[in-house]
Amino acid sequence: MSHISLRTINEEHATLNAMLQSLLMMIKRGPLNAPELFFDILRAMLFYIDEVPEKQHHPKETELLFPIVAKRSPQCAEVIQRLNNEHHRGESSIRDLQHMLLGWEILGDSRRVAFETAAQKYVDFYKEHMHLEESVVIPEALKVLNADDWRSIDAAFAMNSDPLSNSKPRDPIYDRLFTKITLRTPAPIGLGQS
């Protein structure tokens, strides 16, 4: 793909997919003998989802990419409306998960199953969401957008700063988050000690 925006979307989807899989792996692994570290890492993972996809990625799709595609391709309008609705609910969904995690941490295992179930549902939802973007919206964008459209969309997505991406320099503000997620998460999920 020659468009910076599409490369960025694909890279951010891949990173988010890896994060979602790591989240499920951590949940399956459980707190074991290090509950403080376990909950700290899960909080960091959920914060990442709230901070990067919800605040950088989704707004650019909703405000820049989706409106032009929907205008030029009415057959995509329904799917784009669904994706926009999902974007609007995204922050509250991740906040609900953060609250449920806190409930498990503070109130104990009586809250564990509810969190695990909600986390699995959230991951399944997110994977379907990304699949719709990749299989419907992006192919249609490649057909209907012109060079001027791509220039403005590419410029906006070039400004994204995903702390877990290897393809762009990381904003130093995210160094602690990067360290917490990648270096403290136990192997084989992360690089930390098991």
N, C-alpha and C. Protein backbone atom coordinates (compact mmCIF):
# COMPACT_ATOMS: atom_id res chain seq x y z
N MET A 1 0.83 -1.19 0.00
CA MET A 1 0.00 0.00 0.00
C MET A 1 0.87 1.24 0.00
N SER A 2 0.56 2.14 -0.90
CA SER A 2 1.40 3.32 -1.03
C SER A 2 0.95 4.48 -0.15
N HIS A 3 -0.21 4.40 0.43
CA HIS A 3 -0.73 5.51 1.24
C HIS A 3 -0.30 5.37 2.70
N ILE A 4 0.29 6.44 3.22
CA ILE A 4 0.73 6.45 4.62
C ILE A 4 -0.42 6.12 5.55
N SER A 5 -1.59 6.68 5.26
CA SER A 5 -2.74 6.44 6.14
C SER A 5 -3.10 4.97 6.20
N LEU A 6 -3.10 4.28 5.07
CA LEU A 6 -3.47 2.87 5.07
C LEU A 6 -2.39 2.01 5.73
N ARG A 7 -1.14 2.36 5.51
CA ARG A 7 -0.06 1.65 6.22
C ARG A 7 -0.21 1.85 7.72
N THR A 8 -0.50 3.09 8.13
CA THR A 8 -0.68 3.39 9.55
C THR A 8 -1.86 2.62 10.12
N ILE A 9 -2.97 2.62 9.42
CA ILE A 9 -4.15 1.88 9.89
C ILE A 9 -3.81 0.40 10.03
N ASN A 10 -3.17 -0.17 9.03
CA ASN A 10 -2.81 -1.60 9.10
C ASN A 10 -1.85 -1.89 10.24
N GLU A 11 -0.84 -1.04 10.41
CA GLU A 11 0.11 -1.24 11.50
C GLU A 11 -0.57 -1.11 12.86
N GLU A 12 -1.43 -0.10 12.99
CA GLU A 12 -2.11 0.10 14.27
C GLU A 12 -3.10 -1.02 14.55
N HIS A 13 -3.74 -1.54 13.51
CA HIS A 13 -4.62 -2.70 13.70
C HIS A 13 -3.81 -3.91 14.15
N ALA A 14 -2.66 -4.11 13.53
CA ALA A 14 -1.81 -5.26 13.91
C ALA A 14 -1.34 -5.13 15.35
N THR A 15 -0.93 -3.93 15.73
CA THR A 15 -0.48 -3.70 17.10
C THR A 15 -1.63 -3.88 18.08
N LEU A 16 -2.78 -3.36 17.74
CA LEU A 16 -3.94 -3.51 18.61
C LEU A 16 -4.36 -4.97 18.71
N ASN A 17 -4.33 -5.68 17.61
CA ASN A 17 -4.66 -7.10 17.64
C ASN A 17 -3.70 -7.86 18.57
N ALA A 18 -2.42 -7.54 18.48
CA ALA A 18 -1.43 -8.17 19.37
C ALA A 18 -1.72 -7.81 20.83
N MET A 19 -2.11 -6.56 21.07
CA MET A 19 -2.44 -6.13 22.43
C MET A 19 -3.66 -6.89 22.95
N LEU A 20 -4.67 -7.03 22.12
CA LEU A 20 -5.88 -7.74 22.54
C LEU A 20 -5.57 -9.21 22.84
N GLN A 21 -4.74 -9.83 22.01
CA GLN A 21 -4.35 -11.22 22.26
C GLN A 21 -3.54 -11.33 23.55
N SER A 22 -2.64 -10.37 23.78
CA SER A 22 -1.84 -10.37 25.00
C SER A 22 -2.72 -10.18 26.22
N LEU A 23 -3.72 -9.33 26.11
CA LEU A 23 -4.67 -9.12 27.19
C LEU A 23 -5.35 -10.43 27.56
N LEU A 24 -5.84 -11.16 26.55
CA LEU A 24 -6.50 -12.44 26.82
C LEU A 24 -5.53 -13.46 27.41
N MET A 25 -4.30 -13.46 26.92
CA MET A 25 -3.29 -14.39 27.45
C MET A 25 -2.99 -14.07 28.92
N MET A 26 -2.89 -12.79 29.24
CA MET A 26 -2.64 -12.40 30.63
C MET A 26 -3.81 -12.81 31.52
N ILE A 27 -5.02 -12.59 31.05
CA ILE A 27 -6.20 -12.96 31.83
C ILE A 27 -6.21 -14.46 32.06
N LYS A 28 -5.93 -15.23 31.02
CA LYS A 28 -5.91 -16.70 31.15
C LYS A 28 -4.82 -17.14 32.13
N ARG A 29 -3.69 -16.48 32.09
CA ARG A 29 -2.57 -16.79 32.98
C ARG A 29 -2.95 -16.49 34.43
N GLY A 30 -3.65 -15.39 34.61
CA GLY A 30 -4.10 -15.01 35.95
C GLY A 30 -3.01 -14.35 36.78
N PRO A 31 -3.38 -13.91 37.98
CA PRO A 31 -2.44 -13.18 38.83
C PRO A 31 -1.30 -14.03 39.39
N LEU A 32 -1.51 -15.35 39.46
CA LEU A 32 -0.54 -16.27 40.07
C LEU A 32 -0.06 -15.71 41.40
N ASN A 33 1.25 -15.63 41.57
CA ASN A 33 1.79 -15.15 42.85
C ASN A 33 2.23 -13.68 42.80
N ALA A 34 1.80 -12.97 41.77
CA ALA A 34 2.17 -11.55 41.63
C ALA A 34 0.95 -10.71 41.26
N PRO A 35 -0.06 -10.66 42.10
CA PRO A 35 -1.29 -9.93 41.73
C PRO A 35 -1.06 -8.45 41.47
N GLU A 36 -0.18 -7.82 42.21
CA GLU A 36 0.05 -6.39 42.00
C GLU A 36 0.57 -6.12 40.59
N LEU A 37 1.55 -6.91 40.17
CA LEU A 37 2.10 -6.78 38.82
C LEU A 37 1.04 -7.11 37.77
N PHE A 38 0.30 -8.17 38.00
CA PHE A 38 -0.73 -8.61 37.07
C PHE A 38 -1.75 -7.49 36.80
N PHE A 39 -2.31 -6.92 37.86
CA PHE A 39 -3.32 -5.88 37.69
C PHE A 39 -2.70 -4.60 37.11
N ASP A 40 -1.47 -4.32 37.48
CA ASP A 40 -0.78 -3.15 36.95
C ASP A 40 -0.62 -3.27 35.43
N ILE A 41 -0.24 -4.44 34.97
CA ILE A 41 -0.05 -4.67 33.53
C ILE A 41 -1.38 -4.61 32.80
N LEU A 42 -2.41 -5.25 33.35
CA LEU A 42 -3.72 -5.19 32.69
C LEU A 42 -4.25 -3.76 32.61
N ARG A 43 -4.04 -2.98 33.67
CA ARG A 43 -4.45 -1.57 33.63
C ARG A 43 -3.70 -0.83 32.52
N ALA A 44 -2.41 -1.11 32.38
CA ALA A 44 -1.62 -0.46 31.33
C ALA A 44 -2.12 -0.85 29.95
N MET A 45 -2.47 -2.12 29.77
CA MET A 45 -2.98 -2.57 28.48
C MET A 45 -4.30 -1.87 28.14
N LEU A 46 -5.19 -1.78 29.10
CA LEU A 46 -6.47 -1.12 28.87
C LEU A 46 -6.27 0.38 28.65
N PHE A 47 -5.32 0.97 29.36
CA PHE A 47 -5.02 2.39 29.15
C PHE A 47 -4.50 2.61 27.73
N TYR A 48 -3.63 1.72 27.26
CA TYR A 48 -3.12 1.81 25.89
C TYR A 48 -4.29 1.85 24.89
N ILE A 49 -5.25 0.92 25.06
CA ILE A 49 -6.39 0.87 24.14
C ILE A 49 -7.19 2.16 24.21
N ASP A 50 -7.35 2.69 25.40
CA ASP A 50 -8.08 3.95 25.56
C ASP A 50 -7.28 5.13 24.99
N GLU A 51 -5.99 5.12 25.17
CA GLU A 51 -5.15 6.26 24.80
C GLU A 51 -4.84 6.32 23.30
N VAL A 52 -4.53 5.20 22.69
CA VAL A 52 -4.07 5.24 21.30
C VAL A 52 -5.21 5.00 20.30
N PRO A 53 -5.83 3.81 20.28
CA PRO A 53 -6.90 3.65 19.29
C PRO A 53 -8.07 4.62 19.50
N GLU A 54 -8.49 4.80 20.74
CA GLU A 54 -9.66 5.64 20.99
C GLU A 54 -9.40 7.13 20.76
N LYS A 55 -8.20 7.60 21.03
CA LYS A 55 -7.94 9.04 20.95
C LYS A 55 -7.17 9.48 19.70
N GLN A 56 -6.43 8.57 19.07
CA GLN A 56 -5.68 8.94 17.86
C GLN A 56 -6.27 8.31 16.60
N HIS A 57 -6.47 7.02 16.66
CA HIS A 57 -6.84 6.24 15.48
C HIS A 57 -8.30 6.49 15.07
N HIS A 58 -9.22 6.23 15.97
CA HIS A 58 -10.65 6.34 15.64
C HIS A 58 -11.07 7.75 15.19
N PRO A 59 -10.64 8.80 15.88
CA PRO A 59 -11.09 10.13 15.43
C PRO A 59 -10.70 10.44 13.98
N LYS A 60 -9.53 9.99 13.57
CA LYS A 60 -9.10 10.28 12.20
C LYS A 60 -9.92 9.48 11.19
N GLU A 61 -10.25 8.25 11.54
CA GLU A 61 -11.12 7.47 10.66
C GLU A 61 -12.50 8.15 10.56
N THR A 62 -13.06 8.47 11.73
CA THR A 62 -14.42 9.03 11.79
C THR A 62 -14.51 10.41 11.15
N GLU A 63 -13.51 11.24 11.36
CA GLU A 63 -13.58 12.62 10.87
C GLU A 63 -13.04 12.82 9.46
N LEU A 64 -12.09 11.98 9.04
CA LEU A 64 -11.44 12.20 7.75
C LEU A 64 -11.74 11.14 6.70
N LEU A 65 -11.50 9.89 7.03
CA LEU A 65 -11.62 8.81 6.04
C LEU A 65 -13.07 8.44 5.76
N PHE A 66 -13.81 8.14 6.82
CA PHE A 66 -15.17 7.62 6.64
C PHE A 66 -16.11 8.58 5.91
N PRO A 67 -16.13 9.88 6.24
CA PRO A 67 -17.11 10.75 5.56
C PRO A 67 -16.93 10.81 4.04
N ILE A 68 -15.69 10.84 3.61
CA ILE A 68 -15.44 10.94 2.16
C ILE A 68 -15.85 9.64 1.47
N VAL A 69 -15.51 8.51 2.08
CA VAL A 69 -15.87 7.21 1.49
C VAL A 69 -17.40 7.07 1.45
N ALA A 70 -18.07 7.42 2.55
CA ALA A 70 -19.53 7.31 2.60
C ALA A 70 -20.20 8.20 1.55
N LYS A 71 -19.64 9.40 1.35
CA LYS A 71 -20.21 10.33 0.37
C LYS A 71 -20.05 9.81 -1.05
N ARG A 72 -18.90 9.23 -1.33
CA ARG A 72 -18.63 8.78 -2.71
C ARG A 72 -19.09 7.35 -2.98
N SER A 73 -19.39 6.63 -1.91
CA SER A 73 -19.79 5.23 -2.08
C SER A 73 -20.98 4.94 -1.17
N PRO A 74 -22.16 5.33 -1.60
CA PRO A 74 -23.35 5.16 -0.76
C PRO A 74 -23.58 3.71 -0.29
N GLN A 75 -23.11 2.74 -1.07
CA GLN A 75 -23.28 1.34 -0.66
C GLN A 75 -22.49 1.02 0.60
N CYS A 76 -21.51 1.85 0.95
CA CYS A 76 -20.72 1.66 2.18
C CYS A 76 -21.27 2.45 3.36
N ALA A 77 -22.24 3.30 3.10
CA ALA A 77 -22.72 4.22 4.14
C ALA A 77 -23.23 3.49 5.38
N GLU A 78 -23.93 2.39 5.19
CA GLU A 78 -24.48 1.66 6.34
C GLU A 78 -23.36 1.06 7.20
N VAL A 79 -22.38 0.46 6.55
CA VAL A 79 -21.24 -0.11 7.30
C VAL A 79 -20.48 1.01 8.01
N ILE A 80 -20.27 2.12 7.34
CA ILE A 80 -19.55 3.24 7.94
C ILE A 80 -20.33 3.81 9.13
N GLN A 81 -21.64 3.88 9.02
CA GLN A 81 -22.44 4.35 10.15
C GLN A 81 -22.29 3.40 11.34
N ARG A 82 -22.28 2.12 11.07
CA ARG A 82 -22.08 1.13 12.14
C ARG A 82 -20.72 1.33 12.80
N LEU A 83 -19.68 1.50 11.98
CA LEU A 83 -18.33 1.69 12.52
C LEU A 83 -18.24 2.98 13.32
N ASN A 84 -18.86 4.04 12.83
CA ASN A 84 -18.87 5.30 13.58
C ASN A 84 -19.59 5.15 14.92
N ASN A 85 -20.71 4.45 14.91
CA ASN A 85 -21.43 4.19 16.17
C ASN A 85 -20.54 3.42 17.15
N GLU A 86 -19.82 2.45 16.63
CA GLU A 86 -18.91 1.67 17.48
C GLU A 86 -17.79 2.56 18.02
N HIS A 87 -17.28 3.47 17.19
CA HIS A 87 -16.26 4.41 17.66
C HIS A 87 -16.82 5.26 18.79
N HIS A 88 -18.03 5.73 18.64
CA HIS A 88 -18.63 6.59 19.68
C HIS A 88 -18.83 5.85 21.00
N ARG A 89 -19.08 4.56 20.91
CA ARG A 89 -19.25 3.75 22.14
C ARG A 89 -17.93 3.24 22.68
N GLY A 90 -16.86 3.40 21.92
CA GLY A 90 -15.57 2.80 22.28
C GLY A 90 -15.03 3.23 23.62
N GLU A 91 -15.03 4.55 23.88
CA GLU A 91 -14.47 5.02 25.15
C GLU A 91 -15.25 4.49 26.34
N SER A 92 -16.57 4.47 26.24
CA SER A 92 -17.35 3.96 27.38
C SER A 92 -17.14 2.46 27.55
N SER A 93 -16.96 1.74 26.45
CA SER A 93 -16.71 0.29 26.54
C SER A 93 -15.40 0.00 27.25
N ILE A 94 -14.36 0.74 26.90
CA ILE A 94 -13.06 0.49 27.54
C ILE A 94 -13.08 0.94 28.99
N ARG A 95 -13.79 2.00 29.28
CA ARG A 95 -13.92 2.46 30.67
C ARG A 95 -14.69 1.44 31.51
N ASP A 96 -15.71 0.81 30.92
CA ASP A 96 -16.43 -0.25 31.63
C ASP A 96 -15.48 -1.39 31.98
N LEU A 97 -14.63 -1.77 31.03
CA LEU A 97 -13.65 -2.83 31.30
C LEU A 97 -12.68 -2.42 32.40
N GLN A 98 -12.22 -1.18 32.36
CA GLN A 98 -11.31 -0.69 33.40
C GLN A 98 -11.98 -0.75 34.77
N HIS A 99 -13.24 -0.39 34.83
CA HIS A 99 -13.99 -0.44 36.09
C HIS A 99 -14.15 -1.88 36.57
N MET A 100 -14.46 -2.77 35.65
CA MET A 100 -14.62 -4.19 36.02
C MET A 100 -13.31 -4.78 36.51
N LEU A 101 -12.20 -4.36 35.89
CA LEU A 101 -10.89 -4.84 36.34
C LEU A 101 -10.62 -4.36 37.76
N LEU A 102 -10.93 -3.11 38.03
CA LEU A 102 -10.76 -2.57 39.38
C LEU A 102 -11.63 -3.35 40.38
N GLY A 103 -12.84 -3.70 39.96
CA GLY A 103 -13.70 -4.50 40.81
C GLY A 103 -13.07 -5.84 41.15
N TRP A 104 -12.48 -6.48 40.16
CA TRP A 104 -11.81 -7.76 40.40
C TRP A 104 -10.63 -7.56 41.35
N GLU A 105 -9.83 -6.52 41.08
CA GLU A 105 -8.66 -6.27 41.91
C GLU A 105 -9.04 -5.97 43.36
N ILE A 106 -10.03 -5.13 43.57
CA ILE A 106 -10.38 -4.67 44.92
C ILE A 106 -11.30 -5.65 45.64
N LEU A 107 -12.27 -6.21 44.92
CA LEU A 107 -13.28 -7.06 45.56
C LEU A 107 -13.00 -8.55 45.44
N GLY A 108 -11.99 -8.90 44.65
CA GLY A 108 -11.56 -10.29 44.59
C GLY A 108 -12.21 -11.12 43.49
N ASP A 109 -11.99 -12.42 43.61
CA ASP A 109 -12.37 -13.36 42.56
C ASP A 109 -13.87 -13.43 42.27
N SER A 110 -14.69 -12.89 43.15
CA SER A 110 -16.13 -12.87 42.85
C SER A 110 -16.42 -12.01 41.61
N ARG A 111 -15.49 -11.16 41.24
CA ARG A 111 -15.65 -10.29 40.06
C ARG A 111 -14.83 -10.77 38.85
N ARG A 112 -14.09 -11.83 39.02
CA ARG A 112 -13.19 -12.29 37.95
C ARG A 112 -13.94 -12.75 36.70
N VAL A 113 -14.93 -13.61 36.86
CA VAL A 113 -15.63 -14.18 35.70
C VAL A 113 -16.31 -13.08 34.89
N ALA A 114 -16.91 -12.12 35.56
CA ALA A 114 -17.56 -11.02 34.84
C ALA A 114 -16.56 -10.25 34.00
N PHE A 115 -15.37 -9.99 34.57
CA PHE A 115 -14.35 -9.29 33.80
C PHE A 115 -13.87 -10.14 32.63
N GLU A 116 -13.58 -11.40 32.88
CA GLU A 116 -13.10 -12.29 31.81
C GLU A 116 -14.11 -12.36 30.66
N THR A 117 -15.38 -12.50 31.00
CA THR A 117 -16.43 -12.58 29.98
C THR A 117 -16.52 -11.28 29.19
N ALA A 118 -16.49 -10.16 29.89
CA ALA A 118 -16.57 -8.85 29.21
C ALA A 118 -15.34 -8.62 28.34
N ALA A 119 -14.16 -9.01 28.82
CA ALA A 119 -12.94 -8.83 28.04
C ALA A 119 -12.98 -9.66 26.76
N GLN A 120 -13.43 -10.90 26.85
CA GLN A 120 -13.53 -11.75 25.66
C GLN A 120 -14.53 -11.15 24.66
N LYS A 121 -15.65 -10.69 25.16
CA LYS A 121 -16.67 -10.07 24.30
C LYS A 121 -16.10 -8.82 23.62
N TYR A 122 -15.35 -8.02 24.37
CA TYR A 122 -14.75 -6.81 23.83
C TYR A 122 -13.74 -7.15 22.73
N VAL A 123 -12.90 -8.15 22.97
CA VAL A 123 -11.90 -8.56 21.98
C VAL A 123 -12.60 -9.06 20.71
N ASP A 124 -13.62 -9.87 20.87
CA ASP A 124 -14.35 -10.38 19.70
C ASP A 124 -14.97 -9.23 18.91
N PHE A 125 -15.58 -8.29 19.63
CA PHE A 125 -16.17 -7.11 18.99
C PHE A 125 -15.11 -6.34 18.21
N TYR A 126 -13.97 -6.10 18.84
CA TYR A 126 -12.93 -5.27 18.23
C TYR A 126 -12.36 -5.93 16.97
N LYS A 127 -12.20 -7.24 17.03
CA LYS A 127 -11.67 -7.94 15.85
C LYS A 127 -12.64 -7.83 14.68
N GLU A 128 -13.93 -7.96 14.96
CA GLU A 128 -14.93 -7.81 13.91
C GLU A 128 -14.93 -6.38 13.37
N HIS A 129 -14.77 -5.41 14.26
CA HIS A 129 -14.72 -4.01 13.87
C HIS A 129 -13.55 -3.76 12.91
N MET A 130 -12.38 -4.23 13.27
CA MET A 130 -11.20 -4.04 12.40
C MET A 130 -11.38 -4.77 11.07
N HIS A 131 -11.98 -5.96 11.13
CA HIS A 131 -12.20 -6.73 9.91
C HIS A 131 -13.10 -5.96 8.94
N LEU A 132 -14.16 -5.34 9.44
CA LEU A 132 -15.05 -4.55 8.57
C LEU A 132 -14.30 -3.37 7.94
N GLU A 133 -13.49 -2.71 8.72
CA GLU A 133 -12.71 -1.60 8.17
C GLU A 133 -11.79 -2.09 7.06
N GLU A 134 -11.10 -3.22 7.31
CA GLU A 134 -10.12 -3.73 6.36
C GLU A 134 -10.74 -4.39 5.13
N SER A 135 -11.90 -5.02 5.30
CA SER A 135 -12.48 -5.77 4.18
C SER A 135 -13.51 -4.98 3.39
N VAL A 136 -14.07 -3.91 3.98
CA VAL A 136 -15.10 -3.14 3.27
C VAL A 136 -14.64 -1.71 3.00
N VAL A 137 -14.28 -0.98 4.05
CA VAL A 137 -14.02 0.45 3.89
C VAL A 137 -12.72 0.72 3.14
N ILE A 138 -11.65 0.06 3.53
CA ILE A 138 -10.36 0.34 2.87
C ILE A 138 -10.38 -0.02 1.39
N PRO A 139 -10.89 -1.20 0.99
CA PRO A 139 -10.95 -1.46 -0.45
C PRO A 139 -11.80 -0.43 -1.22
N GLU A 140 -12.88 0.02 -0.58
CA GLU A 140 -13.72 1.02 -1.23
C GLU A 140 -13.00 2.37 -1.30
N ALA A 141 -12.27 2.71 -0.26
CA ALA A 141 -11.49 3.96 -0.26
C ALA A 141 -10.49 3.96 -1.41
N LEU A 142 -9.86 2.83 -1.64
CA LEU A 142 -8.89 2.74 -2.73
C LEU A 142 -9.55 2.98 -4.09
N LYS A 143 -10.83 2.66 -4.20
CA LYS A 143 -11.54 2.86 -5.46
C LYS A 143 -12.02 4.30 -5.64
N VAL A 144 -12.47 4.94 -4.55
CA VAL A 144 -13.21 6.19 -4.73
C VAL A 144 -12.47 7.47 -4.33
N LEU A 145 -11.38 7.36 -3.59
CA LEU A 145 -10.69 8.58 -3.17
C LEU A 145 -9.69 9.03 -4.24
N ASN A 146 -9.51 10.34 -4.33
CA ASN A 146 -8.57 10.89 -5.30
C ASN A 146 -7.27 11.32 -4.59
N ALA A 147 -6.34 11.82 -5.36
CA ALA A 147 -5.02 12.18 -4.82
C ALA A 147 -5.11 13.26 -3.75
N ASP A 148 -5.97 14.24 -3.94
CA ASP A 148 -6.13 15.29 -2.92
C ASP A 148 -6.69 14.73 -1.62
N ASP A 149 -7.66 13.83 -1.74
CA ASP A 149 -8.21 13.17 -0.55
C ASP A 149 -7.09 12.46 0.22
N TRP A 150 -6.32 11.68 -0.51
CA TRP A 150 -5.27 10.90 0.14
C TRP A 150 -4.22 11.79 0.78
N ARG A 151 -3.88 12.92 0.14
CA ARG A 151 -2.88 13.81 0.73
C ARG A 151 -3.30 14.28 2.12
N SER A 152 -4.54 14.73 2.27
CA SER A 152 -4.98 15.23 3.58
C SER A 152 -5.12 14.11 4.60
N ILE A 153 -5.63 12.97 4.17
CA ILE A 153 -5.79 11.83 5.09
C ILE A 153 -4.42 11.30 5.51
N ASP A 154 -3.51 11.17 4.55
CA ASP A 154 -2.15 10.69 4.86
C ASP A 154 -1.44 11.63 5.84
N ALA A 155 -1.58 12.93 5.63
CA ALA A 155 -0.93 13.90 6.51
C ALA A 155 -1.43 13.75 7.94
N ALA A 156 -2.70 13.54 8.11
CA ALA A 156 -3.27 13.39 9.46
C ALA A 156 -2.78 12.11 10.13
N PHE A 157 -2.81 11.00 9.41
CA PHE A 157 -2.40 9.72 10.00
C PHE A 157 -0.88 9.67 10.24
N ALA A 158 -0.12 10.43 9.47
CA ALA A 158 1.33 10.46 9.68
C ALA A 158 1.69 11.01 11.06
N MET A 159 0.77 11.76 11.66
CA MET A 159 1.02 12.37 12.97
C MET A 159 0.77 11.40 14.13
N ASN A 160 0.17 10.23 13.86
CA ASN A 160 -0.11 9.27 14.93
C ASN A 160 1.19 8.83 15.60
N SER A 161 1.10 8.56 16.88
CA SER A 161 2.28 8.16 17.66
C SER A 161 1.92 6.96 18.52
N ASP A 162 1.95 5.79 17.92
CA ASP A 162 1.63 4.56 18.64
C ASP A 162 2.87 4.12 19.42
N PRO A 163 2.78 4.06 20.76
CA PRO A 163 3.96 3.72 21.55
C PRO A 163 4.46 2.30 21.35
N LEU A 164 3.66 1.44 20.76
CA LEU A 164 4.08 0.06 20.57
C LEU A 164 4.49 -0.23 19.13
N SER A 165 4.45 0.79 18.27
CA SER A 165 4.82 0.61 16.87
C SER A 165 6.34 0.67 16.72
N ASN A 166 6.84 -0.17 15.84
CA ASN A 166 8.28 -0.14 15.55
C ASN A 166 8.60 0.72 14.34
N SER A 167 7.57 1.15 13.61
CA SER A 167 7.84 1.83 12.35
C SER A 167 8.00 3.34 12.48
N LYS A 168 7.60 3.90 13.61
CA LYS A 168 7.71 5.35 13.81
C LYS A 168 8.42 5.61 15.12
N PRO A 169 9.09 6.74 15.22
CA PRO A 169 9.70 7.07 16.51
C PRO A 169 8.62 7.21 17.58
N ARG A 170 8.91 6.71 18.76
CA ARG A 170 7.95 6.75 19.86
C ARG A 170 8.04 8.09 20.57
N ASP A 171 6.90 8.67 20.84
CA ASP A 171 6.83 9.89 21.63
C ASP A 171 7.31 9.54 23.04
N PRO A 172 8.30 10.26 23.57
CA PRO A 172 8.85 9.94 24.90
C PRO A 172 7.80 9.93 26.01
N ILE A 173 6.69 10.61 25.79
CA ILE A 173 5.64 10.63 26.81
C ILE A 173 5.12 9.21 27.08
N TYR A 174 5.26 8.33 26.09
CA TYR A 174 4.75 6.97 26.22
C TYR A 174 5.80 5.97 26.70
N ASP A 175 7.00 6.40 27.02
CA ASP A 175 8.06 5.47 27.41
C ASP A 175 7.68 4.58 28.60
N ARG A 176 7.06 5.16 29.61
CA ARG A 176 6.66 4.36 30.78
C ARG A 176 5.61 3.32 30.41
N LEU A 177 4.68 3.71 29.56
CA LEU A 177 3.65 2.77 29.12
C LEU A 177 4.28 1.64 28.31
N PHE A 178 5.17 1.98 27.40
CA PHE A 178 5.87 0.97 26.60
C PHE A 178 6.62 0.00 27.51
N THR A 179 7.35 0.55 28.47
CA THR A 179 8.13 -0.29 29.39
C THR A 179 7.22 -1.20 30.20
N LYS A 180 6.17 -0.65 30.72
CA LYS A 180 5.26 -1.43 31.56
C LYS A 180 4.66 -2.59 30.78
N ILE A 181 4.23 -2.32 29.56
CA ILE A 181 3.55 -3.36 28.79
C ILE A 181 4.54 -4.38 28.22
N THR A 182 5.61 -3.92 27.61
CA THR A 182 6.49 -4.87 26.93
C THR A 182 7.56 -5.47 27.82
N LEU A 183 8.12 -4.68 28.71
CA LEU A 183 9.25 -5.17 29.49
C LEU A 183 8.86 -5.80 30.83
N ARG A 184 7.68 -5.44 31.36
CA ARG A 184 7.28 -6.00 32.64
C ARG A 184 6.28 -7.15 32.51
N THR A 185 5.63 -7.25 31.36
CA THR A 185 4.70 -8.34 31.14
C THR A 185 5.50 -9.64 31.06
N PRO A 186 5.10 -10.65 31.84
CA PRO A 186 5.88 -11.88 31.90
C PRO A 186 5.95 -12.60 30.55
N ALA A 187 7.07 -13.27 30.32
CA ALA A 187 7.24 -14.11 29.13
C ALA A 187 6.26 -15.28 29.27
N PRO A 188 5.77 -15.79 28.19
CA PRO A 188 6.07 -15.51 26.81
C PRO A 188 5.25 -14.37 26.21
N ILE A 189 4.40 -13.73 27.00
CA ILE A 189 3.55 -12.65 26.49
C ILE A 189 4.40 -11.41 26.23
N GLY A 190 5.23 -11.07 27.20
CA GLY A 190 6.12 -9.92 27.08
C GLY A 190 7.55 -10.36 27.31
N LEU A 191 8.39 -9.40 27.70
CA LEU A 191 9.81 -9.70 27.89
C LEU A 191 10.21 -9.83 29.35
N GLY A 192 9.24 -9.62 30.26
CA GLY A 192 9.53 -9.71 31.68
C GLY A 192 9.75 -11.13 32.15
N GLN A 193 10.16 -11.24 33.39
CA GLN A 193 10.40 -12.56 33.97
C GLN A 193 9.08 -13.25 34.26
N SER A 194 9.03 -14.55 34.02
CA SER A 194 7.80 -15.31 34.28
C SER A 194 7.61 -15.54 35.76
